Amino acid sequence: MPPKKISIRDVAALAGTSVGSASRVINGAANVTPEVRAKVERAIAALRYRPNHAAQALRSRSSKTIGCMFSDVTNPLYARAFRALEARFFNAGYMLLLANGLNDPKREVSILNTFQLRGMDGVIIAPGNERDADVLNAVRNLTMPIVIYDRDMDVKADAVLYDHAKGIADTVDHLVSLGHTRIALVLWQARSRPVRRRIEGYKAAFKAARLPVPDLLIQGPSPTSSAYDAITEMLGRPDAPTAIIAQGTQTLSSTLRAIATMGKRVPEDISVVGVGDSDFAEDYAPPLTVLRTPVESVADCASAMLLERIQARSGEEQPEPRTNVFPYSLIERQSCGPVKRRAG
């Protein structure tokens, strides 16, 4: 004889609560007292109850899941962003499901279509191909609330953006104030918003300072590519840079390795600024000056905007799409110094 299938009524009976209260706990509703929540959770564990989320979704029109698509989850920035977002949605009773777009437009379209078919309650997306026609159409076909994460997309949706241009411009200004005019920028080859905006800020800062824009832009094939060979070659040139701004952790690490290989010291011979803070940057000797991204504040904003859309009552008038822009902070440590003047 097959074992009895445990139902929500069994959970409620063991917990000594109503079926409605048990349902609210299972669905992650906020209007449940801690005592009732504890009783129901103990009953669920004792009975090994597993709710049928597919059936729940059909009845409540809510899957309690949120889709999250990032362009490349090996990028430490996205790993930190996902961790921050996941904590907020978990506390609100939602599961955040991560999909890796791999900067492949066909894969990104497939993921977006899957989000739609699975009936996600909302999505947060940072596609690598933000201007691809098929990707844009797939986003426009989504029927759930959307938050765009740091992308310029021609879609009607809320967005959270980083002010990359001003962050890089402020960094160039800081280095120029130390006497540097030959400042290299090390990024990767994407056409996404962060790369475009950083290059724009880099060029704008030189023009604002009435300085020529140096031919010192290096772009690797991926955000985790080594910059070692390109930096080594550049440092061997007669017009080598006296300062370098490098993105990420792996690109920054290979940049520092190339500097050491060429017998140069930081900051005595060359100044270095990293884009994005990390334990590596803080623990390096000397500790590295960085542009810090406000990941936690962005997660607060993105989750709040999406949950507001999801939890709005049917027929309730929705606000127009909102865009929030977040600044970088230049964290000065010990890797930048005055330009070293050449003898003679």
C-alpha atoms as a PDB file:
ATOM      1  CA  MET A   1       0.000   0.000   0.000  1.00  0.00           C
ATOM      2  CA  PRO A   2       1.548   3.334  -1.005  1.00  0.00           C
ATOM      3  CA  PRO A   3       2.342   5.762   1.839  1.00  0.00           C
ATOM      4  CA  LYS A   4      -0.252   8.394   2.592  1.00  0.00           C
ATOM      5  CA  LYS A   5       0.374  11.660   0.777  1.00  0.00           C
ATOM      6  CA  ILE A   6       0.898  14.424   3.301  1.00  0.00           C
ATOM      7  CA  SER A   7      -1.335  17.445   2.728  1.00  0.00           C
ATOM      8  CA  ILE A   8      -1.393  20.975   4.041  1.00  0.00           C
ATOM      9  CA  ARG A   9      -4.317  19.930   6.250  1.00  0.00           C
ATOM     10  CA  ASP A  10      -2.043  17.422   7.975  1.00  0.00           C
ATOM     11  CA  VAL A  11       0.530  20.155   8.545  1.00  0.00           C
ATOM     12  CA  ALA A  12      -2.089  22.507   9.991  1.00  0.00           C
ATOM     13  CA  ALA A  13      -3.508  19.780  12.266  1.00  0.00           C
ATOM     14  CA  LEU A  14      -0.082  18.886  13.708  1.00  0.00           C
ATOM     15  CA  ALA A  15       0.835  22.546  14.137  1.00  0.00           C
ATOM     16  CA  GLY A  16      -2.494  23.356  15.772  1.00  0.00           C
ATOM     17  CA  THR A  17      -3.207  26.174  13.321  1.00  0.00           C
ATOM     18  CA  SER A  18      -5.733  26.879  10.607  1.00  0.00           C
ATOM     19  CA  VAL A  19      -5.079  25.737   7.038  1.00  0.00           C
ATOM     20  CA  GLY A  20      -4.928  29.403   6.038  1.00  0.00           C
ATOM     21  CA  SER A  21      -2.149  30.118   8.539  1.00  0.00           C
ATOM     22  CA  ALA A  22      -0.195  27.069   7.385  1.00  0.00           C
ATOM     23  CA  SER A  23      -0.618  28.203   3.778  1.00  0.00           C
ATOM     24  CA  ARG A  24       0.676  31.671   4.575  1.00  0.00           C
ATOM     25  CA  VAL A  25       3.808  30.219   6.191  1.00  0.00           C
ATOM     26  CA  ILE A  26       4.431  27.891   3.250  1.00  0.00           C
ATOM     27  CA  ASN A  27       3.999  30.769   0.794  1.00  0.00           C
ATOM     28  CA  GLY A  28       6.347  33.060   2.699  1.00  0.00           C
ATOM     29  CA  ALA A  29       3.697  35.635   3.573  1.00  0.00           C
ATOM     30  CA  ALA A  30       4.701  38.371   5.981  1.00  0.00           C
ATOM     31  CA  ASN A  31       1.454  38.508   8.009  1.00  0.00           C
ATOM     32  CA  VAL A  32       2.268  35.513  10.229  1.00  0.00           C
ATOM     33  CA  THR A  33       3.375  35.680  13.872  1.00  0.00           C
ATOM     34  CA  PRO A  34       6.781  34.163  14.757  1.00  0.00           C
ATOM     35  CA  GLU A  35       5.043  31.627  17.026  1.00  0.00           C
ATOM     36  CA  VAL A  36       2.734  30.356  14.275  1.00  0.00           C
ATOM     37  CA  ARG A  37       5.591  30.284  11.769  1.00  0.00           C
ATOM     38  CA  ALA A  38       7.706  28.191  14.160  1.00  0.00           C
ATOM     39  CA  LYS A  39       4.844  25.727  14.801  1.00  0.00           C
ATOM     40  CA  VAL A  40       4.159  25.250  11.089  1.00  0.00           C
ATOM     41  CA  GLU A  41       7.835  24.880  10.207  1.00  0.00           C
ATOM     42  CA  ARG A  42       8.229  22.207  12.926  1.00  0.00           C
ATOM     43  CA  ALA A  43       5.208  20.363  11.553  1.00  0.00           C
ATOM     44  CA  ILE A  44       6.568  20.555   7.993  1.00  0.00           C
ATOM     45  CA  ALA A  45       9.881  19.082   9.157  1.00  0.00           C
ATOM     46  CA  ALA A  46       8.214  16.339  11.230  1.00  0.00           C
ATOM     47  CA  LEU A  47       5.888  15.278   8.405  1.00  0.00           C
ATOM     48  CA  ARG A  48       8.501  15.820   5.661  1.00  0.00           C
ATOM     49  CA  TYR A  49       5.880  17.794   3.816  1.00  0.00           C
ATOM     50  CA  ARG A  50       6.721  18.969   0.308  1.00  0.00           C
ATOM     51  CA  PRO A  51       4.280  21.508  -1.158  1.00  0.00           C
ATOM     52  CA  ASN A  52       3.266  21.207  -4.803  1.00  0.00           C
ATOM     53  CA  HIS A  53       4.553  24.562  -6.026  1.00  0.00           C
ATOM     54  CA  ALA A  54       3.235  24.008  -9.547  1.00  0.00           C
ATOM     55  CA  ALA A  55      -0.304  23.599  -8.213  1.00  0.00           C
ATOM     56  CA  GLN A  56       0.189  26.533  -5.860  1.00  0.00           C
ATOM     57  CA  ALA A  57       1.294  28.708  -8.744  1.00  0.00           C
ATOM     58  CA  LEU A  58      -1.844  27.844 -10.707  1.00  0.00           C
ATOM     59  CA  ARG A  59      -4.099  28.658  -7.762  1.00  0.00           C
ATOM     60  CA  SER A  60      -2.345  31.785  -6.530  1.00  0.00           C
ATOM     61  CA  ARG A  61      -0.855  32.936  -9.833  1.00  0.00           C
ATOM     62  CA  SER A  62       2.438  33.164  -7.970  1.00  0.00           C
ATOM     63  CA  SER A  63       5.437  30.850  -8.293  1.00  0.00           C
ATOM     64  CA  LYS A  64       7.385  32.571  -5.461  1.00  0.00           C
ATOM     65  CA  THR A  65      10.387  32.463  -7.792  1.00  0.00           C
ATOM     66  CA  ILE A  66      12.328  35.245  -9.472  1.00  0.00           C
ATOM     67  CA  GLY A  67      14.553  34.750 -12.481  1.00  0.00           C
ATOM     68  CA  CYS A  68      17.984  36.355 -12.543  1.00  0.00           C
ATOM     69  CA  MET A  69      20.076  36.371 -15.718  1.00  0.00           C
ATOM     70  CA  PHE A  70      23.593  37.768 -15.683  1.00  0.00           C
ATOM     71  CA  SER A  71      25.904  37.911 -18.693  1.00  0.00           C
ATOM     72  CA  ASP A  72      28.749  35.964 -17.047  1.00  0.00           C
ATOM     73  CA  VAL A  73      28.496  34.656 -13.495  1.00  0.00           C
ATOM     74  CA  THR A  74      32.270  34.134 -13.315  1.00  0.00           C
ATOM     75  CA  ASN A  75      32.532  37.920 -13.052  1.00  0.00           C
ATOM     76  CA  PRO A  76      33.058  38.609  -9.309  1.00  0.00           C
ATOM     77  CA  LEU A  77      30.817  41.706  -9.523  1.00  0.00           C
ATOM     78  CA  TYR A  78      27.859  39.548 -10.550  1.00  0.00           C
ATOM     79  CA  ALA A  79      28.645  36.953  -7.889  1.00  0.00           C
ATOM     80  CA  ARG A  80      28.468  39.670  -5.230  1.00  0.00           C
ATOM     81  CA  ALA A  81      25.339  41.152  -6.803  1.00  0.00           C
ATOM     82  CA  PHE A  82      23.563  37.786  -6.842  1.00  0.00           C
ATOM     83  CA  ARG A  83      24.480  37.075  -3.231  1.00  0.00           C
ATOM     84  CA  ALA A  84      23.109  40.461  -2.132  1.00  0.00           C
ATOM     85  CA  LEU A  85      19.915  40.094  -4.186  1.00  0.00           C
ATOM     86  CA  GLU A  86      19.322  36.498  -3.111  1.00  0.00           C
ATOM     87  CA  ALA A  87      19.416  37.453   0.572  1.00  0.00           C
ATOM     88  CA  ARG A  88      16.786  40.140   0.114  1.00  0.00           C
ATOM     89  CA  PHE A  89      14.398  38.014  -1.921  1.00  0.00           C
ATOM     90  CA  PHE A  90      14.818  35.054   0.430  1.00  0.00           C
ATOM     91  CA  ASN A  91      13.786  37.242   3.350  1.00  0.00           C
ATOM     92  CA  ALA A  92      10.716  38.278   1.350  1.00  0.00           C
ATOM     93  CA  GLY A  93       9.729  34.651   0.707  1.00  0.00           C
ATOM     94  CA  TYR A  94      11.007  34.319  -2.867  1.00  0.00           C
ATOM     95  CA  MET A  95      13.632  32.070  -4.408  1.00  0.00           C
ATOM     96  CA  LEU A  96      16.053  33.756  -6.806  1.00  0.00           C
ATOM     97  CA  LEU A  97      17.098  31.425  -9.631  1.00  0.00           C
ATOM     98  CA  LEU A  98      20.331  32.294 -11.446  1.00  0.00           C
ATOM     99  CA  ALA A  99      20.912  31.739 -15.163  1.00  0.00           C
ATOM    100  CA  ASN A 100      24.230  32.358 -16.927  1.00  0.00           C
ATOM    101  CA  GLY A 101      23.829  34.068 -20.304  1.00  0.00           C
ATOM    102  CA  LEU A 102      27.512  33.562 -21.260  1.00  0.00           C
ATOM    103  CA  ASN A 103      27.274  36.686 -23.444  1.00  0.00           C
ATOM    104  CA  ASP A 104      25.564  34.499 -26.064  1.00  0.00           C
ATOM    105  CA  PRO A 105      22.424  36.157 -27.546  1.00  0.00           C
ATOM    106  CA  LYS A 106      20.773  32.853 -28.502  1.00  0.00           C
ATOM    107  CA  ARG A 107      21.313  31.487 -25.018  1.00  0.00           C
ATOM    108  CA  GLU A 108      19.979  34.700 -23.494  1.00  0.00           C
ATOM    109  CA  VAL A 109      16.803  34.516 -25.609  1.00  0.00           C
ATOM    110  CA  SER A 110      16.320  30.892 -24.544  1.00  0.00           C
ATOM    111  CA  ILE A 111      16.710  31.805 -20.866  1.00  0.00           C
ATOM    112  CA  LEU A 112      14.237  34.693 -21.149  1.00  0.00           C
ATOM    113  CA  ASN A 113      11.708  32.430 -22.871  1.00  0.00           C
ATOM    114  CA  THR A 114      12.158  29.855 -20.100  1.00  0.00           C
ATOM    115  CA  PHE A 115      11.517  32.503 -17.464  1.00  0.00           C
ATOM    116  CA  GLN A 116       8.246  33.276 -19.236  1.00  0.00           C
ATOM    117  CA  LEU A 117       7.212  29.628 -19.599  1.00  0.00           C
ATOM    118  CA  ARG A 118       8.021  28.845 -15.972  1.00  0.00           C
ATOM    119  CA  GLY A 119       5.809  31.688 -14.783  1.00  0.00           C
ATOM    120  CA  MET A 120       8.418  33.570 -12.768  1.00  0.00           C
ATOM    121  CA  ASP A 121       6.916  36.308 -10.607  1.00  0.00           C
ATOM    122  CA  GLY A 122       9.565  38.756 -11.765  1.00  0.00           C
ATOM    123  CA  VAL A 123      13.008  38.931 -13.341  1.00  0.00           C
ATOM    124  CA  ILE A 124      16.269  40.819 -12.907  1.00  0.00           C
ATOM    125  CA  ILE A 125      18.444  40.788 -16.008  1.00  0.00           C
ATOM    126  CA  ALA A 126      21.839  41.977 -17.193  1.00  0.00           C
ATOM    127  CA  PRO A 127      22.214  40.475 -20.675  1.00  0.00           C
ATOM    128  CA  GLY A 128      25.527  40.703 -22.452  1.00  0.00           C
ATOM    129  CA  ASN A 129      23.746  41.651 -25.679  1.00  0.00           C
ATOM    130  CA  GLU A 130      21.567  44.525 -24.570  1.00  0.00           C
ATOM    131  CA  ARG A 131      21.089  45.895 -28.095  1.00  0.00           C
ATOM    132  CA  ASP A 132      20.486  42.597 -29.890  1.00  0.00           C
ATOM    133  CA  ALA A 133      17.074  42.693 -31.599  1.00  0.00           C
ATOM    134  CA  ASP A 134      16.120  39.145 -30.580  1.00  0.00           C
ATOM    135  CA  VAL A 135      17.137  39.718 -26.963  1.00  0.00           C
ATOM    136  CA  LEU A 136      15.133  42.959 -26.855  1.00  0.00           C
ATOM    137  CA  ASN A 137      12.071  41.240 -28.331  1.00  0.00           C
ATOM    138  CA  ALA A 138      12.352  38.431 -25.777  1.00  0.00           C
ATOM    139  CA  VAL A 139      12.466  40.998 -22.959  1.00  0.00           C
ATOM    140  CA  ARG A 140       9.491  42.889 -24.386  1.00  0.00           C
ATOM    141  CA  ASN A 141       7.510  39.626 -24.503  1.00  0.00           C
ATOM    142  CA  LEU A 142       7.919  39.032 -20.771  1.00  0.00           C
ATOM    143  CA  THR A 143       4.626  39.495 -18.942  1.00  0.00           C
ATOM    144  CA  MET A 144       6.058  39.756 -15.416  1.00  0.00           C
ATOM    145  CA  PRO A 145       7.762  42.769 -13.766  1.00  0.00           C
ATOM    146  CA  ILE A 146      11.356  43.403 -14.864  1.00  0.00           C
ATOM    147  CA  VAL A 147      14.347  45.195 -13.381  1.00  0.00           C
ATOM    148  CA  ILE A 148      17.232  45.916 -15.743  1.00  0.00           C
ATOM    149  CA  TYR A 149      20.584  45.611 -13.966  1.00  0.00           C
ATOM    150  CA  ASP A 150      23.111  48.097 -15.343  1.00  0.00           C
ATOM    151  CA  ARG A 151      22.158  47.929 -19.000  1.00  0.00           C
ATOM    152  CA  ASP A 152      20.920  50.503 -21.512  1.00  0.00           C
ATOM    153  CA  MET A 153      17.935  48.708 -23.051  1.00  0.00           C
ATOM    154  CA  ASP A 154      15.102  50.104 -25.149  1.00  0.00           C
ATOM    155  CA  VAL A 155      12.409  48.442 -23.049  1.00  0.00           C
ATOM    156  CA  LYS A 156       9.789  49.745 -20.652  1.00  0.00           C
ATOM    157  CA  ALA A 157      11.119  48.558 -17.305  1.00  0.00           C
ATOM    158  CA  ASP A 158      12.642  49.708 -14.037  1.00  0.00           C
ATOM    159  CA  ALA A 159      16.438  49.933 -14.015  1.00  0.00           C
ATOM    160  CA  VAL A 160      19.343  50.214 -11.596  1.00  0.00           C
ATOM    161  CA  LEU A 161      22.516  51.664 -13.104  1.00  0.00           C
ATOM    162  CA  TYR A 162      26.083  52.359 -12.010  1.00  0.00           C
ATOM    163  CA  ASP A 163      27.597  55.726 -12.929  1.00  0.00           C
ATOM    164  CA  HIS A 164      30.644  54.227 -14.648  1.00  0.00           C
ATOM    165  CA  ALA A 165      31.492  57.336 -16.647  1.00  0.00           C
ATOM    166  CA  LYS A 166      31.782  59.607 -13.613  1.00  0.00           C
ATOM    167  CA  GLY A 167      33.625  56.939 -11.630  1.00  0.00           C
ATOM    168  CA  ILE A 168      36.343  56.579 -14.270  1.00  0.00           C
ATOM    169  CA  ALA A 169      36.446  60.341 -14.881  1.00  0.00           C
ATOM    170  CA  ASP A 170      36.952  60.966 -11.152  1.00  0.00           C
ATOM    171  CA  THR A 171      39.780  58.413 -11.146  1.00  0.00           C
ATOM    172  CA  VAL A 172      41.502  60.056 -14.105  1.00  0.00           C
ATOM    173  CA  ASP A 173      41.131  63.435 -12.383  1.00  0.00           C
ATOM    174  CA  HIS A 174      42.733  61.999  -9.241  1.00  0.00           C
ATOM    175  CA  LEU A 175      45.692  60.644 -11.205  1.00  0.00           C
ATOM    176  CA  VAL A 176      46.071  63.868 -13.200  1.00  0.00           C
ATOM    177  CA  SER A 177      46.234  65.764  -9.896  1.00  0.00           C
ATOM    178  CA  LEU A 178      49.270  63.598  -9.069  1.00  0.00           C
ATOM    179  CA  GLY A 179      50.926  64.628 -12.332  1.00  0.00           C
ATOM    180  CA  HIS A 180      49.977  61.625 -14.470  1.00  0.00           C
ATOM    181  CA  THR A 181      48.986  62.197 -18.090  1.00  0.00           C
ATOM    182  CA  ARG A 182      49.842  58.785 -19.533  1.00  0.00           C
ATOM    183  CA  ILE A 183      47.099  56.746 -17.893  1.00  0.00           C
ATOM    184  CA  ALA A 184      46.152  53.321 -19.265  1.00  0.00           C
ATOM    185  CA  LEU A 185      42.655  51.837 -19.041  1.00  0.00           C
ATOM    186  CA  VAL A 186      42.364  48.021 -19.060  1.00  0.00           C
ATOM    187  CA  LEU A 187      38.899  46.590 -19.785  1.00  0.00           C
ATOM    188  CA  TRP A 188      37.400  43.868 -21.926  1.00  0.00           C
ATOM    189  CA  GLN A 189      35.856  43.892 -25.400  1.00  0.00           C
ATOM    190  CA  ALA A 190      32.152  43.825 -24.572  1.00  0.00           C
ATOM    191  CA  ARG A 191      29.742  46.339 -26.068  1.00  0.00           C
ATOM    192  CA  SER A 192      27.729  46.414 -22.869  1.00  0.00           C
ATOM    193  CA  ARG A 193      26.908  49.528 -20.906  1.00  0.00           C
ATOM    194  CA  PRO A 194      29.698  49.260 -18.269  1.00  0.00           C
ATOM    195  CA  VAL A 195      32.453  49.074 -20.886  1.00  0.00           C
ATOM    196  CA  ARG A 196      30.974  51.807 -23.076  1.00  0.00           C
ATOM    197  CA  ARG A 197      30.426  54.179 -20.181  1.00  0.00           C
ATOM    198  CA  ARG A 198      33.892  53.609 -18.724  1.00  0.00           C
ATOM    199  CA  ILE A 199      35.531  54.455 -22.039  1.00  0.00           C
ATOM    200  CA  GLU A 200      33.318  57.531 -22.368  1.00  0.00           C
ATOM    201  CA  GLY A 201      34.327  58.721 -18.901  1.00  0.00           C
ATOM    202  CA  TYR A 202      38.001  58.066 -19.615  1.00  0.00           C
ATOM    203  CA  LYS A 203      37.991  60.150 -22.781  1.00  0.00           C
ATOM    204  CA  ALA A 204      35.819  62.902 -21.307  1.00  0.00           C
ATOM    205  CA  ALA A 205      38.168  63.372 -18.346  1.00  0.00           C
ATOM    206  CA  PHE A 206      41.181  64.011 -20.588  1.00  0.00           C
ATOM    207  CA  LYS A 207      39.216  66.410 -22.758  1.00  0.00           C
ATOM    208  CA  ALA A 208      37.944  68.284 -19.678  1.00  0.00           C
ATOM    209  CA  ALA A 209      41.551  68.599 -18.463  1.00  0.00           C
ATOM    210  CA  ARG A 210      42.568  69.783 -21.940  1.00  0.00           C
ATOM    211  CA  LEU A 211      44.930  66.860 -22.334  1.00  0.00           C
ATOM    212  CA  PRO A 212      45.273  64.556 -25.348  1.00  0.00           C
ATOM    213  CA  VAL A 213      43.617  61.171 -24.902  1.00  0.00           C
ATOM    214  CA  PRO A 214      46.524  58.695 -24.779  1.00  0.00           C
ATOM    215  CA  ASP A 215      46.609  55.570 -26.945  1.00  0.00           C
ATOM    216  CA  LEU A 216      46.627  53.361 -23.856  1.00  0.00           C
ATOM    217  CA  LEU A 217      43.317  51.470 -23.983  1.00  0.00           C
ATOM    218  CA  ILE A 218      43.612  47.686 -23.622  1.00  0.00           C
ATOM    219  CA  GLN A 219      40.594  45.408 -24.058  1.00  0.00           C
ATOM    220  CA  GLY A 220      40.814  41.678 -23.403  1.00  0.00           C
ATOM    221  CA  PRO A 221      38.470  39.047 -24.843  1.00  0.00           C
ATOM    222  CA  SER A 222      36.606  38.437 -21.561  1.00  0.00           C
ATOM    223  CA  PRO A 223      36.296  39.954 -18.065  1.00  0.00           C
ATOM    224  CA  THR A 224      38.396  37.115 -16.677  1.00  0.00           C
ATOM    225  CA  SER A 225      41.111  37.265 -19.355  1.00  0.00           C
ATOM    226  CA  SER A 226      44.728  37.815 -18.421  1.00  0.00           C
ATOM    227  CA  ALA A 227      46.120  41.228 -19.357  1.00  0.00           C
ATOM    228  CA  TYR A 228      49.670  40.069 -18.694  1.00  0.00           C
ATOM    229  CA  ASP A 229      51.014  39.987 -22.259  1.00  0.00           C
ATOM    230  CA  ALA A 230      49.363  43.255 -23.337  1.00  0.00           C
ATOM    231  CA  ILE A 231      50.508  45.106 -20.204  1.00  0.00           C
ATOM    232  CA  THR A 232      54.039  43.729 -20.466  1.00  0.00           C
ATOM    233  CA  GLU A 233      54.280  44.923 -24.077  1.00  0.00           C
ATOM    234  CA  MET A 234      52.842  48.329 -23.199  1.00  0.00           C
ATOM    235  CA  LEU A 235      55.239  48.841 -20.270  1.00  0.00           C
ATOM    236  CA  GLY A 236      58.170  48.187 -22.588  1.00  0.00           C
ATOM    237  CA  ARG A 237      57.239  51.058 -24.905  1.00  0.00           C
ATOM    238  CA  PRO A 238      59.056  54.428 -24.803  1.00  0.00           C
ATOM    239  CA  ASP A 239      55.687  56.069 -24.101  1.00  0.00           C
ATOM    240  CA  ALA A 240      54.741  53.596 -21.365  1.00  0.00           C
ATOM    241  CA  PRO A 241      51.981  54.637 -18.937  1.00  0.00           C
ATOM    242  CA  THR A 242      52.774  55.999 -15.503  1.00  0.00           C
ATOM    243  CA  ALA A 243      49.391  54.911 -14.145  1.00  0.00           C
ATOM    244  CA  ILE A 244      46.936  52.089 -14.915  1.00  0.00           C
ATOM    245  CA  ILE A 245      43.201  51.702 -14.206  1.00  0.00           C
ATOM    246  CA  ALA A 246      42.274  47.995 -14.434  1.00  0.00           C
ATOM    247  CA  GLN A 247      38.873  46.316 -14.108  1.00  0.00           C
ATOM    248  CA  GLY A 248      38.003  43.346 -11.972  1.00  0.00           C
ATOM    249  CA  THR A 249      40.118  40.968  -9.897  1.00  0.00           C
ATOM    250  CA  GLN A 250      41.707  38.651 -12.476  1.00  0.00           C
ATOM    251  CA  THR A 251      42.546  41.404 -14.953  1.00  0.00           C
ATOM    252  CA  LEU A 252      43.941  43.502 -12.101  1.00  0.00           C
ATOM    253  CA  SER A 253      45.980  40.560 -10.820  1.00  0.00           C
ATOM    254  CA  SER A 254      47.575  39.900 -14.208  1.00  0.00           C
ATOM    255  CA  THR A 255      48.272  43.631 -14.568  1.00  0.00           C
ATOM    256  CA  LEU A 256      50.165  43.658 -11.272  1.00  0.00           C
ATOM    257  CA  ARG A 257      52.087  40.542 -12.287  1.00  0.00           C
ATOM    258  CA  ALA A 258      53.177  42.237 -15.530  1.00  0.00           C
ATOM    259  CA  ILE A 259      54.281  45.318 -13.595  1.00  0.00           C
ATOM    260  CA  ALA A 260      56.420  43.153 -11.295  1.00  0.00           C
ATOM    261  CA  THR A 261      57.893  41.253 -14.250  1.00  0.00           C
ATOM    262  CA  MET A 262      59.011  44.545 -15.792  1.00  0.00           C
ATOM    263  CA  GLY A 263      60.814  45.453 -12.566  1.00  0.00           C
ATOM    264  CA  LYS A 264      58.488  48.333 -11.692  1.00  0.00           C
ATOM    265  CA  ARG A 265      57.222  49.151  -8.217  1.00  0.00           C
ATOM    266  CA  VAL A 266      53.784  50.307  -7.099  1.00  0.00           C
ATOM    267  CA  PRO A 267      53.424  53.237  -6.498  1.00  0.00           C
ATOM    268  CA  GLU A 268      57.036  54.435  -6.837  1.00  0.00           C
ATOM    269  CA  ASP A 269      57.263  53.712 -10.567  1.00  0.00           C
ATOM    270  CA  ILE A 270      53.632  53.294 -11.551  1.00  0.00           C
ATOM    271  CA  SER A 271      50.271  54.024  -9.910  1.00  0.00           C
ATOM    272  CA  VAL A 272      47.423  51.484 -10.035  1.00  0.00           C
ATOM    273  CA  VAL A 273      43.662  51.766  -9.467  1.00  0.00           C
ATOM    274  CA  GLY A 274      41.279  48.786  -9.540  1.00  0.00           C
ATOM    275  CA  VAL A 275      37.672  48.942 -10.719  1.00  0.00           C
ATOM    276  CA  GLY A 276      35.716  47.121  -8.039  1.00  0.00           C
ATOM    277  CA  ASP A 277      36.798  46.456  -4.458  1.00  0.00           C
ATOM    278  CA  SER A 278      37.828  43.037  -3.143  1.00  0.00           C
ATOM    279  CA  ASP A 279      39.795  41.349  -0.371  1.00  0.00           C
ATOM    280  CA  PHE A 280      42.596  40.959  -2.909  1.00  0.00           C
ATOM    281  CA  ALA A 281      42.821  44.727  -3.444  1.00  0.00           C
ATOM    282  CA  GLU A 282      42.800  45.470   0.264  1.00  0.00           C
ATOM    283  CA  ASP A 283      45.297  42.741   1.180  1.00  0.00           C
ATOM    284  CA  TYR A 284      47.752  43.432  -1.641  1.00  0.00           C
ATOM    285  CA  ALA A 285      51.044  45.088  -0.697  1.00  0.00           C
ATOM    286  CA  PRO A 286      50.637  47.996  -1.019  1.00  0.00           C
ATOM    287  CA  PRO A 287      46.822  48.082  -0.545  1.00  0.00           C
ATOM    288  CA  LEU A 288      45.251  49.176  -3.810  1.00  0.00           C
ATOM    289  CA  THR A 289      43.209  52.290  -4.470  1.00  0.00           C
ATOM    290  CA  VAL A 290      39.873  51.177  -5.968  1.00  0.00           C
ATOM    291  CA  LEU A 291      36.565  52.320  -7.345  1.00  0.00           C
ATOM    292  CA  ARG A 292      34.051  50.661  -5.033  1.00  0.00           C
ATOM    293  CA  THR A 293      30.616  49.724  -6.355  1.00  0.00           C
ATOM    294  CA  PRO A 294      27.629  50.135  -3.983  1.00  0.00           C
ATOM    295  CA  VAL A 295      26.412  46.552  -4.514  1.00  0.00           C
ATOM    296  CA  GLU A 296      24.367  46.414  -1.308  1.00  0.00           C
ATOM    297  CA  SER A 297      22.550  49.686  -2.012  1.00  0.00           C
ATOM    298  CA  VAL A 298      21.797  48.579  -5.565  1.00  0.00           C
ATOM    299  CA  ALA A 299      20.431  45.261  -4.283  1.00  0.00           C
ATOM    300  CA  ASP A 300      18.204  47.127  -1.825  1.00  0.00           C
ATOM    301  CA  CYS A 301      16.815  49.297  -4.613  1.00  0.00           C
ATOM    302  CA  ALA A 302      16.415  46.559  -7.246  1.00  0.00           C
ATOM    303  CA  SER A 303      14.670  44.149  -4.890  1.00  0.00           C
ATOM    304  CA  ALA A 304      12.370  46.852  -3.510  1.00  0.00           C
ATOM    305  CA  MET A 305      11.307  48.000  -6.986  1.00  0.00           C
ATOM    306  CA  LEU A 306      10.635  44.465  -8.198  1.00  0.00           C
ATOM    307  CA  LEU A 307       8.742  43.397  -5.080  1.00  0.00           C
ATOM    308  CA  GLU A 308       6.607  46.536  -5.255  1.00  0.00           C
ATOM    309  CA  ARG A 309       5.591  45.630  -8.812  1.00  0.00           C
ATOM    310  CA  ILE A 310       4.981  41.967  -7.934  1.00  0.00           C
ATOM    311  CA  GLN A 311       2.920  42.697  -4.843  1.00  0.00           C
ATOM    312  CA  ALA A 312       0.800  45.457  -6.370  1.00  0.00           C
ATOM    313  CA  ARG A 313      -2.870  44.570  -6.441  1.00  0.00           C
ATOM    314  CA  SER A 314      -4.483  43.643  -9.726  1.00  0.00           C
ATOM    315  CA  GLY A 315      -5.855  46.718 -11.435  1.00  0.00           C
ATOM    316  CA  GLU A 316      -3.794  49.047  -9.250  1.00  0.00           C
ATOM    317  CA  GLU A 317      -2.229  51.874 -11.224  1.00  0.00           C
ATOM    318  CA  GLN A 318       1.470  51.201 -11.691  1.00  0.00           C
ATOM    319  CA  PRO A 319       4.099  53.946 -11.607  1.00  0.00           C
ATOM    320  CA  GLU A 320       6.008  54.743 -14.779  1.00  0.00           C
ATOM    321  CA  PRO A 321       9.330  52.901 -15.179  1.00  0.00           C
ATOM    322  CA  ARG A 322      11.936  54.245 -12.774  1.00  0.00           C
ATOM    323  CA  THR A 323      15.695  54.491 -13.164  1.00  0.00           C
ATOM    324  CA  ASN A 324      18.063  54.831 -10.227  1.00  0.00           C
ATOM    325  CA  VAL A 325      21.739  55.668 -10.823  1.00  0.00           C
ATOM    326  CA  PHE A 326      24.358  54.834  -8.212  1.00  0.00           C
ATOM    327  CA  PRO A 327      27.797  56.470  -7.923  1.00  0.00           C
ATOM    328  CA  TYR A 328      31.133  54.771  -7.377  1.00  0.00           C
ATOM    329  CA  SER A 329      33.312  55.693  -4.407  1.00  0.00           C
ATOM    330  CA  LEU A 330      37.030  56.247  -4.949  1.00  0.00           C
ATOM    331  CA  ILE A 331      38.702  54.486  -2.013  1.00  0.00           C
ATOM    332  CA  GLU A 332      42.225  55.889  -1.694  1.00  0.00           C
ATOM    333  CA  ARG A 333      44.820  53.511  -0.320  1.00  0.00           C
ATOM    334  CA  GLN A 334      48.552  53.291  -1.044  1.00  0.00           C
ATOM    335  CA  SER A 335      48.906  52.334  -4.728  1.00  0.00           C
ATOM    336  CA  CYS A 336      48.895  55.846  -6.186  1.00  0.00           C
ATOM    337  CA  GLY A 337      51.660  58.403  -5.944  1.00  0.00           C
ATOM    338  CA  PRO A 338      53.107  61.406  -7.770  1.00  0.00           C
ATOM    339  CA  VAL A 339      54.377  60.733 -11.256  1.00  0.00           C
ATOM    340  CA  LYS A 340      58.037  59.726 -11.331  1.00  0.00           C
ATOM    341  CA  ARG A 341      59.935  62.260 -13.419  1.00  0.00           C
ATOM    342  CA  ARG A 342      62.505  60.891 -15.831  1.00  0.00           C
ATOM    343  CA  ALA A 343      66.110  61.900 -15.299  1.00  0.00           C
ATOM    344  CA  GLY A 344      67.546  64.394 -17.740  1.00  0.00           C
END
